[in-house]
């Protein structure tokens, strides 16, 4: 059993309201993770094309968008 499967099994022991909140939190986390991966892929493509942006600008935008 994977850790994810274990987590789902344990989450099923929670009340319906707690399950709903947990589901919302997980979806929010996954959405942020996928968006970050997409942004990184775009950045790598730009680097491959020789397009560069100062690192401090890139990291400031990422912190503003994703927290940190």
PDB file of N, CA and C in Angstrom:
ATOM      1  N   UNK A   1       0.852  -1.172   0.000  1.00  0.00           N
ATOM      2  CA  UNK A   1       0.000   0.000   0.000  1.00  0.00           C
ATOM      3  C   UNK A   1       0.900   1.238   0.000  1.00  0.00           C
ATOM      4  N   UNK A   2       0.594   2.169  -0.898  1.00  0.00           N
ATOM      5  CA  UNK A   2       1.383   3.399  -0.975  1.00  0.00           C
ATOM      6  C   UNK A   2       1.013   4.338   0.179  1.00  0.00           C
ATOM      7  N   UNK A   3       1.854   5.319   0.380  1.00  0.00           N
ATOM      8  CA  UNK A   3       1.556   6.319   1.415  1.00  0.00           C
ATOM      9  C   UNK A   3       0.265   7.061   1.090  1.00  0.00           C
ATOM     10  N   UNK A   4       0.044   7.325  -0.187  1.00  0.00           N
ATOM     11  CA  UNK A   4      -1.187   8.009  -0.587  1.00  0.00           C
ATOM     12  C   UNK A   4      -2.410   7.155  -0.249  1.00  0.00           C
ATOM     13  N   UNK A   5      -2.321   5.867  -0.563  1.00  0.00           N
ATOM     14  CA  UNK A   5      -3.432   4.965  -0.259  1.00  0.00           C
ATOM     15  C   UNK A   5      -3.680   4.882   1.244  1.00  0.00           C
ATOM     16  N   UNK A   6      -2.605   4.859   2.021  1.00  0.00           N
ATOM     17  CA  UNK A   6      -2.744   4.854   3.478  1.00  0.00           C
ATOM     18  C   UNK A   6      -3.409   6.125   3.964  1.00  0.00           C
ATOM     19  N   UNK A   7      -3.009   7.264   3.384  1.00  0.00           N
ATOM     20  CA  UNK A   7      -3.586   8.549   3.787  1.00  0.00           C
ATOM     21  C   UNK A   7      -5.078   8.590   3.480  1.00  0.00           C
ATOM     22  N   UNK A   8      -5.467   8.094   2.320  1.00  0.00           N
ATOM     23  CA  UNK A   8      -6.886   8.075   1.957  1.00  0.00           C
ATOM     24  C   UNK A   8      -7.657   7.181   2.927  1.00  0.00           C
ATOM     25  N   UNK A   9      -7.086   6.023   3.231  1.00  0.00           N
ATOM     26  CA  UNK A   9      -7.750   5.101   4.161  1.00  0.00           C
ATOM     27  C   UNK A   9      -7.954   5.757   5.528  1.00  0.00           C
ATOM     28  N   UNK A  10      -6.948   6.454   6.012  1.00  0.00           N
ATOM     29  CA  UNK A  10      -7.064   7.135   7.309  1.00  0.00           C
ATOM     30  C   UNK A  10      -8.045   8.301   7.227  1.00  0.00           C
ATOM     31  N   UNK A  11      -8.036   9.012   6.106  1.00  0.00           N
ATOM     32  CA  UNK A  11      -8.937  10.157   5.936  1.00  0.00           C
ATOM     33  C   UNK A  11     -10.398   9.724   5.957  1.00  0.00           C
ATOM     34  N   UNK A  12     -10.666   8.498   5.554  1.00  0.00           N
ATOM     35  CA  UNK A  12     -12.033   7.992   5.554  1.00  0.00           C
ATOM     36  C   UNK A  12     -12.594   7.854   6.971  1.00  0.00           C
ATOM     37  N   UNK A  13     -11.722   7.919   7.954  1.00  0.00           N
ATOM     38  CA  UNK A  13     -12.153   7.853   9.353  1.00  0.00           C
ATOM     39  C   UNK A  13     -12.616   9.218   9.864  1.00  0.00           C
ATOM     40  N   UNK A  14     -12.361  10.263   9.115  1.00  0.00           N
ATOM     41  CA  UNK A  14     -12.733  11.620   9.511  1.00  0.00           C
ATOM     42  C   UNK A  14     -14.213  11.862   9.233  1.00  0.00           C
ATOM     43  N   UNK A  15     -14.740  12.897   9.856  1.00  0.00           N
ATOM     44  CA  UNK A  15     -16.130  13.286   9.596  1.00  0.00           C
ATOM     45  C   UNK A  15     -16.254  13.786   8.158  1.00  0.00           C
ATOM     46  N   UNK A  16     -17.465  13.781   7.606  1.00  0.00           N
ATOM     47  CA  UNK A  16     -17.640  14.297   6.238  1.00  0.00           C
ATOM     48  C   UNK A  16     -17.142  15.738   6.063  1.00  0.00           C
ATOM     49  N   UNK A  17     -17.375  16.586   7.049  1.00  0.00           N
ATOM     50  CA  UNK A  17     -16.896  17.967   6.946  1.00  0.00           C
ATOM     51  C   UNK A  17     -15.370  18.020   6.924  1.00  0.00           C
ATOM     52  N   UNK A  18     -14.738  17.214   7.760  1.00  0.00           N
ATOM     53  CA  UNK A  18     -13.268  17.179   7.787  1.00  0.00           C
ATOM     54  C   UNK A  18     -12.718  16.601   6.479  1.00  0.00           C
ATOM     55  N   UNK A  19     -13.382  15.603   5.940  1.00  0.00           N
ATOM     56  CA  UNK A  19     -12.956  15.042   4.659  1.00  0.00           C
ATOM     57  C   UNK A  19     -13.054  16.080   3.556  1.00  0.00           C
ATOM     58  N   UNK A  20     -14.133  16.848   3.561  1.00  0.00           N
ATOM     59  CA  UNK A  20     -14.321  17.885   2.541  1.00  0.00           C
ATOM     60  C   UNK A  20     -13.223  18.938   2.631  1.00  0.00           C
ATOM     61  N   UNK A  21     -12.906  19.374   3.848  1.00  0.00           N
ATOM     62  CA  UNK A  21     -11.840  20.372   4.024  1.00  0.00           C
ATOM     63  C   UNK A  21     -10.491  19.810   3.596  1.00  0.00           C
ATOM     64  N   UNK A  22     -10.223  18.574   3.973  1.00  0.00           N
ATOM     65  CA  UNK A  22      -8.965  17.939   3.589  1.00  0.00           C
ATOM     66  C   UNK A  22      -8.872  17.825   2.068  1.00  0.00           C
ATOM     67  N   UNK A  23      -9.970  17.422   1.429  1.00  0.00           N
ATOM     68  CA  UNK A  23      -9.983  17.335  -0.026  1.00  0.00           C
ATOM     69  C   UNK A  23      -9.704  18.676  -0.678  1.00  0.00           C
ATOM     70  N   UNK A  24     -10.302  19.721  -0.136  1.00  0.00           N
ATOM     71  CA  UNK A  24     -10.069  21.071  -0.664  1.00  0.00           C
ATOM     72  C   UNK A  24      -8.603  21.467  -0.501  1.00  0.00           C
ATOM     73  N   UNK A  25      -8.041  21.181   0.657  1.00  0.00           N
ATOM     74  CA  UNK A  25      -6.632  21.505   0.913  1.00  0.00           C
ATOM     75  C   UNK A  25      -5.706  20.746  -0.043  1.00  0.00           C
ATOM     76  N   UNK A  26      -5.991  19.471  -0.247  1.00  0.00           N
ATOM     77  CA  UNK A  26      -5.163  18.656  -1.134  1.00  0.00           C
ATOM     78  C   UNK A  26      -5.252  19.169  -2.563  1.00  0.00           C
ATOM     79  N   UNK A  27      -6.462  19.465  -3.031  1.00  0.00           N
ATOM     80  CA  UNK A  27      -6.623  19.988  -4.392  1.00  0.00           C
ATOM     81  C   UNK A  27      -5.874  21.302  -4.579  1.00  0.00           C
ATOM     82  N   UNK A  28      -5.935  22.162  -3.574  1.00  0.00           N
ATOM     83  CA  UNK A  28      -5.216  23.434  -3.642  1.00  0.00           C
ATOM     84  C   UNK A  28      -3.709  23.180  -3.747  1.00  0.00           C
ATOM     85  N   UNK A  29      -3.204  22.266  -2.932  1.00  0.00           N
ATOM     86  CA  UNK A  29      -1.774  21.932  -2.953  1.00  0.00           C
ATOM     87  C   UNK A  29      -1.371  21.368  -4.317  1.00  0.00           C
ATOM     88  N   UNK A  30      -2.156  20.434  -4.854  1.00  0.00           N
ATOM     89  CA  UNK A  30      -1.842  19.814  -6.140  1.00  0.00           C
ATOM     90  C   UNK A  30      -1.887  20.851  -7.255  1.00  0.00           C
ATOM     91  N   UNK A  31      -2.878  21.736  -7.236  1.00  0.00           N
ATOM     92  CA  UNK A  31      -2.959  22.794  -8.246  1.00  0.00           C
ATOM     93  C   UNK A  31      -1.711  23.670  -8.220  1.00  0.00           C
ATOM     94  N   UNK A  32      -1.266  24.048  -7.010  1.00  0.00           N
ATOM     95  CA  UNK A  32      -0.063  24.871  -6.894  1.00  0.00           C
ATOM     96  C   UNK A  32       1.165  24.121  -7.393  1.00  0.00           C
ATOM     97  N   UNK A  33       1.268  22.837  -7.064  1.00  0.00           N
ATOM     98  CA  UNK A  33       2.403  22.037  -7.495  1.00  0.00           C
ATOM     99  C   UNK A  33       2.446  21.920  -9.011  1.00  0.00           C
ATOM    100  N   UNK A  34       1.309  21.636  -9.629  1.00  0.00           N
ATOM    101  CA  UNK A  34       1.264  21.521 -11.089  1.00  0.00           C
ATOM    102  C   UNK A  34       1.576  22.851 -11.769  1.00  0.00           C
ATOM    103  N   UNK A  35       1.074  23.940 -11.223  1.00  0.00           N
ATOM    104  CA  UNK A  35       1.357  25.264 -11.794  1.00  0.00           C
ATOM    105  C   UNK A  35       2.846  25.577 -11.681  1.00  0.00           C
ATOM    106  N   UNK A  36       3.448  25.235 -10.558  1.00  0.00           N
ATOM    107  CA  UNK A  36       4.871  25.476 -10.380  1.00  0.00           C
ATOM    108  C   UNK A  36       5.686  24.649 -11.364  1.00  0.00           C
ATOM    109  N   UNK A  37       5.327  23.392 -11.536  1.00  0.00           N
ATOM    110  CA  UNK A  37       6.025  22.550 -12.516  1.00  0.00           C
ATOM    111  C   UNK A  37       5.917  23.143 -13.913  1.00  0.00           C
ATOM    112  N   UNK A  38       4.746  23.654 -14.248  1.00  0.00           N
ATOM    113  CA  UNK A  38       4.543  24.272 -15.558  1.00  0.00           C
ATOM    114  C   UNK A  38       5.445  25.496 -15.723  1.00  0.00           C
ATOM    115  N   UNK A  39       5.496  26.324 -14.698  1.00  0.00           N
ATOM    116  CA  UNK A  39       6.344  27.525 -14.750  1.00  0.00           C
ATOM    117  C   UNK A  39       7.819  27.152 -14.884  1.00  0.00           C
ATOM    118  N   UNK A  40       8.237  26.109 -14.205  1.00  0.00           N
ATOM    119  CA  UNK A  40       9.632  25.654 -14.306  1.00  0.00           C
ATOM    120  C   UNK A  40       9.918  25.165 -15.723  1.00  0.00           C
ATOM    121  N   UNK A  41       8.992  24.408 -16.290  1.00  0.00           N
ATOM    122  CA  UNK A  41       9.180  23.919 -17.661  1.00  0.00           C
ATOM    123  C   UNK A  41       9.313  25.081 -18.646  1.00  0.00           C
ATOM    124  N   UNK A  42       8.497  26.102 -18.464  1.00  0.00           N
ATOM    125  CA  UNK A  42       8.592  27.285 -19.322  1.00  0.00           C
ATOM    126  C   UNK A  42       9.962  27.938 -19.158  1.00  0.00           C
ATOM    127  N   UNK A  43      10.413  28.058 -17.915  1.00  0.00           N
ATOM    128  CA  UNK A  43      11.722  28.658 -17.658  1.00  0.00           C
ATOM    129  C   UNK A  43      12.858  27.876 -18.290  1.00  0.00           C
ATOM    130  N   UNK A  44      12.791  26.564 -18.217  1.00  0.00           N
ATOM    131  CA  UNK A  44      13.830  25.720 -18.825  1.00  0.00           C
ATOM    132  C   UNK A  44      13.827  25.900 -20.343  1.00  0.00           C
ATOM    133  N   UNK A  45      12.645  25.949 -20.935  1.00  0.00           N
ATOM    134  CA  UNK A  45      12.553  26.177 -22.383  1.00  0.00           C
ATOM    135  C   UNK A  45      13.164  27.524 -22.763  1.00  0.00           C
ATOM    136  N   UNK A  46      12.903  28.552 -21.965  1.00  0.00           N
ATOM    137  CA  UNK A  46      13.475  29.870 -22.243  1.00  0.00           C
ATOM    138  C   UNK A  46      14.990  29.840 -22.128  1.00  0.00           C
ATOM    139  N   UNK A  47      15.498  29.139 -21.113  1.00  0.00           N
ATOM    140  CA  UNK A  47      16.952  29.016 -20.972  1.00  0.00           C
ATOM    141  C   UNK A  47      17.543  28.275 -22.165  1.00  0.00           C
ATOM    142  N   UNK A  48      16.886  27.227 -22.620  1.00  0.00           N
ATOM    143  CA  UNK A  48      17.364  26.478 -23.778  1.00  0.00           C
ATOM    144  C   UNK A  48      17.419  27.345 -25.029  1.00  0.00           C
ATOM    145  N   UNK A  49      16.514  28.326 -25.125  1.00  0.00           N
ATOM    146  CA  UNK A  49      16.503  29.238 -26.271  1.00  0.00           C
ATOM    147  C   UNK A  49      17.479  30.398 -26.087  1.00  0.00           C
ATOM    148  N   UNK A  50      18.122  30.460 -24.934  1.00  0.00           N
ATOM    149  CA  UNK A  50      19.071  31.532 -24.678  1.00  0.00           C
ATOM    150  C   UNK A  50      18.446  32.793 -24.124  1.00  0.00           C
ATOM    151  N   UNK A  51      17.173  32.714 -23.760  1.00  0.00           N
ATOM    152  CA  UNK A  51      16.490  33.864 -23.169  1.00  0.00           C
ATOM    153  C   UNK A  51      16.738  33.821 -21.666  1.00  0.00           C
ATOM    154  N   UNK A  52      17.233  34.904 -21.130  1.00  0.00           N
ATOM    155  CA  UNK A  52      17.509  34.916 -19.695  1.00  0.00           C
ATOM    156  C   UNK A  52      16.854  36.114 -19.024  1.00  0.00           C
ATOM    157  N   UNK A  53      16.546  35.918 -17.752  1.00  0.00           N
ATOM    158  CA  UNK A  53      15.985  36.959 -16.900  1.00  0.00           C
ATOM    159  C   UNK A  53      16.801  36.902 -15.614  1.00  0.00           C
ATOM    160  N   UNK A  54      17.131  38.045 -15.018  1.00  0.00           N
ATOM    161  CA  UNK A  54      17.889  38.017 -13.772  1.00  0.00           C
ATOM    162  C   UNK A  54      17.204  37.129 -12.721  1.00  0.00           C
ATOM    163  N   UNK A  55      18.003  36.333 -12.043  1.00  0.00           N
ATOM    164  CA  UNK A  55      17.481  35.388 -11.063  1.00  0.00           C
ATOM    165  C   UNK A  55      16.639  36.033  -9.984  1.00  0.00           C
ATOM    166  N   UNK A  56      17.050  37.217  -9.498  1.00  0.00           N
ATOM    167  CA  UNK A  56      16.281  37.852  -8.433  1.00  0.00           C
ATOM    168  C   UNK A  56      14.870  38.212  -8.888  1.00  0.00           C
ATOM    169  N   UNK A  57      14.714  38.540 -10.167  1.00  0.00           N
ATOM    170  CA  UNK A  57      13.389  38.849 -10.713  1.00  0.00           C
ATOM    171  C   UNK A  57      12.541  37.577 -10.763  1.00  0.00           C
ATOM    172  N   UNK A  58      13.141  36.493 -11.234  1.00  0.00           N
ATOM    173  CA  UNK A  58      12.430  35.219 -11.338  1.00  0.00           C
ATOM    174  C   UNK A  58      11.966  34.758  -9.960  1.00  0.00           C
ATOM    175  N   UNK A  59      12.877  34.760  -8.988  1.00  0.00           N
ATOM    176  CA  UNK A  59      12.528  34.264  -7.651  1.00  0.00           C
ATOM    177  C   UNK A  59      11.528  35.174  -6.948  1.00  0.00           C
ATOM    178  N   UNK A  60      11.600  36.470  -7.184  1.00  0.00           N
ATOM    179  CA  UNK A  60      10.629  37.382  -6.587  1.00  0.00           C
ATOM    180  C   UNK A  60       9.226  37.092  -7.123  1.00  0.00           C
ATOM    181  N   UNK A  61       9.132  36.837  -8.427  1.00  0.00           N
ATOM    182  CA  UNK A  61       7.832  36.504  -9.014  1.00  0.00           C
ATOM    183  C   UNK A  61       7.308  35.180  -8.468  1.00  0.00           C
ATOM    184  N   UNK A  62       8.193  34.186  -8.320  1.00  0.00           N
ATOM    185  CA  UNK A  62       7.767  32.882  -7.803  1.00  0.00           C
ATOM    186  C   UNK A  62       7.306  32.994  -6.354  1.00  0.00           C
ATOM    187  N   UNK A  63       8.039  33.772  -5.541  1.00  0.00           N
ATOM    188  CA  UNK A  63       7.638  33.946  -4.145  1.00  0.00           C
ATOM    189  C   UNK A  63       6.284  34.639  -4.054  1.00  0.00           C
ATOM    190  N   UNK A  64       6.085  35.641  -4.909  1.00  0.00           N
ATOM    191  CA  UNK A  64       4.808  36.367  -4.903  1.00  0.00           C
ATOM    192  C   UNK A  64       3.650  35.458  -5.317  1.00  0.00           C
ATOM    193  N   UNK A  65       3.895  34.595  -6.277  1.00  0.00           N
ATOM    194  CA  UNK A  65       2.841  33.745  -6.806  1.00  0.00           C
ATOM    195  C   UNK A  65       2.583  32.521  -5.923  1.00  0.00           C
ATOM    196  N   UNK A  66       3.648  31.900  -5.413  1.00  0.00           N
ATOM    197  CA  UNK A  66       3.502  30.624  -4.723  1.00  0.00           C
ATOM    198  C   UNK A  66       3.817  30.690  -3.236  1.00  0.00           C
ATOM    199  N   UNK A  67       4.206  31.841  -2.750  1.00  0.00           N
ATOM    200  CA  UNK A  67       4.554  31.988  -1.332  1.00  0.00           C
ATOM    201  C   UNK A  67       5.955  31.493  -1.067  1.00  0.00           C
ATOM    202  N   UNK A  68       6.408  31.790   0.110  1.00  0.00           N
ATOM    203  CA  UNK A  68       7.738  31.264   0.443  1.00  0.00           C
ATOM    204  C   UNK A  68       8.623  32.228   1.004  1.00  0.00           C
TER     205      UNK A  68
END
